[in-house]
Amino acid sequence: MDIYEEFLEGKKAFIRGDYELAVYYLRKVKRKEPSKISVRELLGRAYYSLRKYKKALQEFEFIIFNKPDQDYAYFAAGLCLIKLGRREEGVENLRIALALNPTNSDYKNYLDRFSG
């Protein structure tokens, strides 16, 4: 199986809700292509779905460091930080996500929910 097929298997597993299998495939892809943002994002989402917030946060922080214009990475990192008990940092990430994409109502709703 080539790297693209592994990514597709990971994506299909994620869509089905089989997050453990998604992580399995996406980690294999990440080892071969560690700088791929799409792999890191989907892997972070799978970790988050498994309640592995620290691992998810690492993936989203990688994206933020390498592509600081990625609003979703800030949003997801913010949610991870909140789940990890780091509310102020999380809210700051939600603010950045909303600043990067001010029309996203989800970002605004989550920011309103956690900043109050």
N, C-alpha and C. Protein backbone atom coordinates (compact mmCIF):
# COMPACT_ATOMS: atom_id res chain seq x y z
N MET A 1 0.86 -1.18 0.00
CA MET A 1 0.00 0.00 0.00
C MET A 1 0.90 1.24 0.00
N ASP A 2 0.63 2.16 -0.93
CA ASP A 2 1.45 3.36 -0.96
C ASP A 2 0.92 4.41 0.02
N ILE A 3 1.66 5.48 0.14
CA ILE A 3 1.35 6.51 1.15
C ILE A 3 -0.03 7.14 0.92
N TYR A 4 -0.38 7.37 -0.34
CA TYR A 4 -1.68 7.97 -0.63
C TYR A 4 -2.81 7.02 -0.24
N GLU A 5 -2.64 5.74 -0.52
CA GLU A 5 -3.66 4.76 -0.13
C GLU A 5 -3.79 4.68 1.39
N GLU A 6 -2.67 4.76 2.09
CA GLU A 6 -2.71 4.76 3.56
C GLU A 6 -3.47 5.98 4.08
N PHE A 7 -3.20 7.13 3.45
CA PHE A 7 -3.93 8.34 3.85
C PHE A 7 -5.43 8.17 3.61
N LEU A 8 -5.79 7.65 2.45
CA LEU A 8 -7.21 7.44 2.15
C LEU A 8 -7.86 6.46 3.12
N GLU A 9 -7.15 5.41 3.50
CA GLU A 9 -7.67 4.45 4.48
C GLU A 9 -7.88 5.14 5.83
N GLY A 10 -6.93 5.99 6.21
CA GLY A 10 -7.07 6.74 7.45
C GLY A 10 -8.26 7.68 7.41
N LYS A 11 -8.43 8.34 6.28
CA LYS A 11 -9.55 9.27 6.11
C LYS A 11 -10.89 8.52 6.15
N LYS A 12 -10.96 7.39 5.47
CA LYS A 12 -12.20 6.59 5.48
C LYS A 12 -12.52 6.10 6.88
N ALA A 13 -11.49 5.65 7.60
CA ALA A 13 -11.69 5.18 8.98
C ALA A 13 -12.19 6.33 9.85
N PHE A 14 -11.63 7.52 9.66
CA PHE A 14 -12.07 8.68 10.44
C PHE A 14 -13.54 8.98 10.15
N ILE A 15 -13.90 8.99 8.90
CA ILE A 15 -15.29 9.30 8.51
C ILE A 15 -16.26 8.28 9.11
N ARG A 16 -15.84 7.02 9.15
CA ARG A 16 -16.67 5.96 9.75
C ARG A 16 -16.73 6.06 11.27
N GLY A 17 -15.86 6.85 11.86
CA GLY A 17 -15.82 6.95 13.31
C GLY A 17 -14.90 5.94 13.96
N ASP A 18 -14.09 5.25 13.16
CA ASP A 18 -13.11 4.30 13.68
C ASP A 18 -11.80 5.06 13.88
N TYR A 19 -11.74 5.83 14.97
CA TYR A 19 -10.63 6.75 15.19
C TYR A 19 -9.32 6.03 15.49
N GLU A 20 -9.38 4.89 16.16
CA GLU A 20 -8.16 4.11 16.43
C GLU A 20 -7.51 3.68 15.11
N LEU A 21 -8.32 3.16 14.20
CA LEU A 21 -7.78 2.74 12.90
C LEU A 21 -7.28 3.95 12.11
N ALA A 22 -7.99 5.04 12.20
CA ALA A 22 -7.55 6.27 11.53
C ALA A 22 -6.17 6.67 12.04
N VAL A 23 -5.99 6.64 13.35
CA VAL A 23 -4.69 6.99 13.94
C VAL A 23 -3.61 6.04 13.43
N TYR A 24 -3.93 4.76 13.37
CA TYR A 24 -2.97 3.77 12.89
C TYR A 24 -2.44 4.15 11.49
N TYR A 25 -3.36 4.38 10.58
CA TYR A 25 -2.94 4.71 9.21
C TYR A 25 -2.27 6.09 9.13
N LEU A 26 -2.83 7.06 9.82
CA LEU A 26 -2.29 8.42 9.72
C LEU A 26 -0.92 8.53 10.36
N ARG A 27 -0.66 7.78 11.40
CA ARG A 27 0.69 7.78 11.98
C ARG A 27 1.70 7.19 11.01
N LYS A 28 1.29 6.16 10.27
CA LYS A 28 2.17 5.58 9.25
C LYS A 28 2.51 6.62 8.19
N VAL A 29 1.50 7.35 7.76
CA VAL A 29 1.71 8.38 6.75
C VAL A 29 2.59 9.50 7.32
N LYS A 30 2.33 9.88 8.55
CA LYS A 30 3.11 10.96 9.18
C LYS A 30 4.60 10.60 9.28
N ARG A 31 4.89 9.34 9.56
CA ARG A 31 6.30 8.93 9.62
C ARG A 31 6.99 9.12 8.27
N LYS A 32 6.25 8.94 7.19
CA LYS A 32 6.82 9.07 5.84
C LYS A 32 6.79 10.52 5.34
N GLU A 33 5.79 11.27 5.77
CA GLU A 33 5.61 12.65 5.32
C GLU A 33 5.29 13.54 6.52
N PRO A 34 6.28 13.79 7.39
CA PRO A 34 6.00 14.50 8.64
C PRO A 34 5.55 15.95 8.50
N SER A 35 5.77 16.53 7.33
CA SER A 35 5.41 17.94 7.18
C SER A 35 4.05 18.16 6.52
N LYS A 36 3.33 17.10 6.19
CA LYS A 36 2.04 17.23 5.52
C LYS A 36 0.97 17.76 6.48
N ILE A 37 0.49 18.94 6.22
CA ILE A 37 -0.50 19.60 7.08
C ILE A 37 -1.81 18.82 7.09
N SER A 38 -2.24 18.31 5.95
CA SER A 38 -3.51 17.59 5.89
C SER A 38 -3.47 16.33 6.76
N VAL A 39 -2.35 15.67 6.79
CA VAL A 39 -2.20 14.47 7.62
C VAL A 39 -2.22 14.87 9.09
N ARG A 40 -1.49 15.92 9.43
CA ARG A 40 -1.42 16.38 10.83
C ARG A 40 -2.80 16.82 11.33
N GLU A 41 -3.55 17.51 10.48
CA GLU A 41 -4.87 17.97 10.90
C GLU A 41 -5.81 16.79 11.15
N LEU A 42 -5.86 15.86 10.23
CA LEU A 42 -6.75 14.71 10.41
C LEU A 42 -6.32 13.85 11.58
N LEU A 43 -5.02 13.70 11.78
CA LEU A 43 -4.52 12.95 12.92
C LEU A 43 -4.90 13.66 14.22
N GLY A 44 -4.76 14.97 14.25
CA GLY A 44 -5.17 15.74 15.43
C GLY A 44 -6.66 15.57 15.71
N ARG A 45 -7.46 15.60 14.69
CA ARG A 45 -8.90 15.42 14.86
C ARG A 45 -9.22 14.02 15.38
N ALA A 46 -8.51 13.01 14.90
CA ALA A 46 -8.72 11.65 15.38
C ALA A 46 -8.32 11.53 16.85
N TYR A 47 -7.17 12.09 17.20
CA TYR A 47 -6.75 12.07 18.61
C TYR A 47 -7.79 12.78 19.48
N TYR A 48 -8.26 13.92 19.03
CA TYR A 48 -9.26 14.67 19.80
C TYR A 48 -10.52 13.81 20.00
N SER A 49 -10.94 13.14 18.96
CA SER A 49 -12.13 12.29 19.05
C SER A 49 -11.93 11.14 20.03
N LEU A 50 -10.68 10.74 20.21
CA LEU A 50 -10.34 9.67 21.17
C LEU A 50 -10.07 10.24 22.57
N ARG A 51 -10.26 11.53 22.72
CA ARG A 51 -10.01 12.24 23.98
C ARG A 51 -8.53 12.23 24.38
N LYS A 52 -7.67 12.14 23.38
CA LYS A 52 -6.23 12.22 23.60
C LYS A 52 -5.81 13.65 23.27
N TYR A 53 -6.20 14.56 24.18
CA TYR A 53 -6.08 15.99 23.91
C TYR A 53 -4.64 16.47 23.81
N LYS A 54 -3.75 15.89 24.59
CA LYS A 54 -2.35 16.30 24.54
C LYS A 54 -1.73 15.97 23.18
N LYS A 55 -2.01 14.76 22.69
CA LYS A 55 -1.49 14.37 21.37
C LYS A 55 -2.15 15.20 20.28
N ALA A 56 -3.43 15.45 20.40
CA ALA A 56 -4.12 16.29 19.41
C ALA A 56 -3.51 17.68 19.39
N LEU A 57 -3.27 18.23 20.57
CA LEU A 57 -2.69 19.56 20.67
C LEU A 57 -1.33 19.62 19.98
N GLN A 58 -0.53 18.60 20.14
CA GLN A 58 0.78 18.58 19.48
C GLN A 58 0.64 18.68 17.96
N GLU A 59 -0.34 18.00 17.42
CA GLU A 59 -0.54 18.06 15.97
C GLU A 59 -0.98 19.46 15.52
N PHE A 60 -1.91 20.04 16.27
CA PHE A 60 -2.39 21.37 15.89
C PHE A 60 -1.33 22.44 16.11
N GLU A 61 -0.49 22.28 17.15
CA GLU A 61 0.60 23.23 17.37
C GLU A 61 1.63 23.15 16.25
N PHE A 62 1.86 21.94 15.73
CA PHE A 62 2.76 21.79 14.59
C PHE A 62 2.24 22.61 13.40
N ILE A 63 0.95 22.51 13.17
CA ILE A 63 0.35 23.25 12.05
C ILE A 63 0.49 24.75 12.29
N ILE A 64 0.17 25.21 13.48
CA ILE A 64 0.26 26.64 13.80
C ILE A 64 1.69 27.14 13.59
N PHE A 65 2.66 26.37 14.04
CA PHE A 65 4.05 26.77 13.91
C PHE A 65 4.47 26.88 12.44
N ASN A 66 4.01 25.95 11.63
CA ASN A 66 4.43 25.89 10.23
C ASN A 66 3.53 26.65 9.26
N LYS A 67 2.29 26.83 9.63
CA LYS A 67 1.33 27.56 8.78
C LYS A 67 0.45 28.43 9.68
N PRO A 68 1.00 29.54 10.17
CA PRO A 68 0.28 30.35 11.17
C PRO A 68 -1.00 31.02 10.68
N ASP A 69 -1.35 30.84 9.43
CA ASP A 69 -2.59 31.41 8.92
C ASP A 69 -3.74 30.41 8.95
N GLN A 70 -3.54 29.24 9.50
CA GLN A 70 -4.55 28.17 9.51
C GLN A 70 -5.51 28.35 10.69
N ASP A 71 -6.62 28.99 10.44
CA ASP A 71 -7.58 29.31 11.51
C ASP A 71 -8.08 28.05 12.22
N TYR A 72 -8.34 26.98 11.47
CA TYR A 72 -8.86 25.77 12.12
C TYR A 72 -7.88 25.19 13.14
N ALA A 73 -6.59 25.28 12.87
CA ALA A 73 -5.59 24.77 13.81
C ALA A 73 -5.65 25.54 15.12
N TYR A 74 -5.83 26.85 15.06
CA TYR A 74 -5.98 27.64 16.29
C TYR A 74 -7.25 27.25 17.04
N PHE A 75 -8.32 27.08 16.29
CA PHE A 75 -9.60 26.69 16.90
C PHE A 75 -9.46 25.34 17.62
N ALA A 76 -8.93 24.36 16.91
CA ALA A 76 -8.80 23.02 17.49
C ALA A 76 -7.82 23.02 18.66
N ALA A 77 -6.72 23.75 18.53
CA ALA A 77 -5.76 23.85 19.64
C ALA A 77 -6.43 24.49 20.85
N GLY A 78 -7.26 25.49 20.59
CA GLY A 78 -7.99 26.13 21.68
C GLY A 78 -8.88 25.16 22.42
N LEU A 79 -9.60 24.34 21.68
CA LEU A 79 -10.47 23.35 22.32
C LEU A 79 -9.66 22.33 23.11
N CYS A 80 -8.52 21.91 22.57
CA CYS A 80 -7.65 20.98 23.29
C CYS A 80 -7.16 21.60 24.60
N LEU A 81 -6.71 22.83 24.52
CA LEU A 81 -6.20 23.51 25.72
C LEU A 81 -7.28 23.62 26.78
N ILE A 82 -8.49 23.94 26.37
CA ILE A 82 -9.60 24.03 27.32
C ILE A 82 -9.84 22.67 27.96
N LYS A 83 -9.85 21.61 27.17
CA LYS A 83 -10.04 20.25 27.70
C LYS A 83 -8.92 19.86 28.67
N LEU A 84 -7.72 20.41 28.45
CA LEU A 84 -6.57 20.12 29.31
C LEU A 84 -6.52 21.02 30.53
N GLY A 85 -7.55 21.86 30.70
CA GLY A 85 -7.61 22.74 31.88
C GLY A 85 -6.83 24.03 31.72
N ARG A 86 -6.44 24.36 30.52
CA ARG A 86 -5.68 25.57 30.25
C ARG A 86 -6.59 26.57 29.52
N ARG A 87 -7.63 26.97 30.23
CA ARG A 87 -8.71 27.76 29.64
C ARG A 87 -8.26 29.08 29.04
N GLU A 88 -7.44 29.84 29.76
CA GLU A 88 -7.02 31.15 29.23
C GLU A 88 -6.26 31.02 27.92
N GLU A 89 -5.36 30.05 27.85
CA GLU A 89 -4.62 29.81 26.61
C GLU A 89 -5.58 29.35 25.50
N GLY A 90 -6.52 28.52 25.88
CA GLY A 90 -7.49 28.03 24.92
C GLY A 90 -8.33 29.15 24.35
N VAL A 91 -8.80 30.03 25.21
CA VAL A 91 -9.61 31.16 24.76
C VAL A 91 -8.80 32.07 23.84
N GLU A 92 -7.53 32.26 24.15
CA GLU A 92 -6.68 33.08 23.28
C GLU A 92 -6.57 32.47 21.88
N ASN A 93 -6.45 31.15 21.82
CA ASN A 93 -6.41 30.48 20.51
C ASN A 93 -7.74 30.62 19.78
N LEU A 94 -8.84 30.55 20.51
CA LEU A 94 -10.14 30.75 19.88
C LEU A 94 -10.26 32.16 19.33
N ARG A 95 -9.72 33.14 20.05
CA ARG A 95 -9.73 34.54 19.57
C ARG A 95 -8.95 34.67 18.27
N ILE A 96 -7.80 34.03 18.23
CA ILE A 96 -6.97 34.10 17.02
C ILE A 96 -7.71 33.44 15.84
N ALA A 97 -8.32 32.29 16.10
CA ALA A 97 -9.07 31.60 15.03
C ALA A 97 -10.16 32.52 14.48
N LEU A 98 -10.89 33.19 15.37
CA LEU A 98 -11.96 34.08 14.93
C LEU A 98 -11.39 35.30 14.20
N ALA A 99 -10.25 35.81 14.65
CA ALA A 99 -9.63 36.95 13.96
C ALA A 99 -9.21 36.56 12.54
N LEU A 100 -8.74 35.33 12.38
CA LEU A 100 -8.32 34.86 11.05
C LEU A 100 -9.52 34.56 10.15
N ASN A 101 -10.64 34.20 10.76
CA ASN A 101 -11.84 33.86 9.98
C ASN A 101 -13.07 34.41 10.71
N PRO A 102 -13.28 35.72 10.61
CA PRO A 102 -14.34 36.36 11.40
C PRO A 102 -15.77 35.98 11.02
N THR A 103 -15.96 35.32 9.92
CA THR A 103 -17.31 34.93 9.52
C THR A 103 -17.71 33.54 10.03
N ASN A 104 -16.79 32.85 10.70
CA ASN A 104 -17.08 31.49 11.18
C ASN A 104 -17.89 31.56 12.47
N SER A 105 -19.16 31.21 12.39
CA SER A 105 -20.04 31.31 13.56
C SER A 105 -19.68 30.29 14.64
N ASP A 106 -19.12 29.15 14.27
CA ASP A 106 -18.69 28.18 15.29
C ASP A 106 -17.60 28.77 16.17
N TYR A 107 -16.64 29.43 15.55
CA TYR A 107 -15.56 30.04 16.32
C TYR A 107 -16.13 31.06 17.30
N LYS A 108 -17.05 31.89 16.81
CA LYS A 108 -17.65 32.91 17.67
C LYS A 108 -18.45 32.27 18.82
N ASN A 109 -19.22 31.24 18.50
CA ASN A 109 -20.02 30.59 19.53
C ASN A 109 -19.15 29.96 20.62
N TYR A 110 -18.10 29.28 20.23
CA TYR A 110 -17.21 28.67 21.22
C TYR A 110 -16.47 29.73 22.03
N LEU A 111 -16.05 30.80 21.37
CA LEU A 111 -15.38 31.88 22.09
C LEU A 111 -16.32 32.49 23.11
N ASP A 112 -17.57 32.76 22.72
CA ASP A 112 -18.55 33.32 23.65
C ASP A 112 -18.80 32.35 24.81
N ARG A 113 -18.87 31.09 24.51
CA ARG A 113 -19.13 30.07 25.53
C ARG A 113 -18.02 29.99 26.57
N PHE A 114 -16.76 30.06 26.14
CA PHE A 114 -15.66 29.83 27.07
C PHE A 114 -15.00 31.08 27.60
N SER A 115 -15.27 32.23 27.02
CA SER A 115 -14.60 33.44 27.48
C SER A 115 -15.37 34.14 28.59
N GLY A 116 -16.58 33.73 28.84
CA GLY A 116 -17.41 34.40 29.84
C GLY A 116 -17.27 33.97 31.23
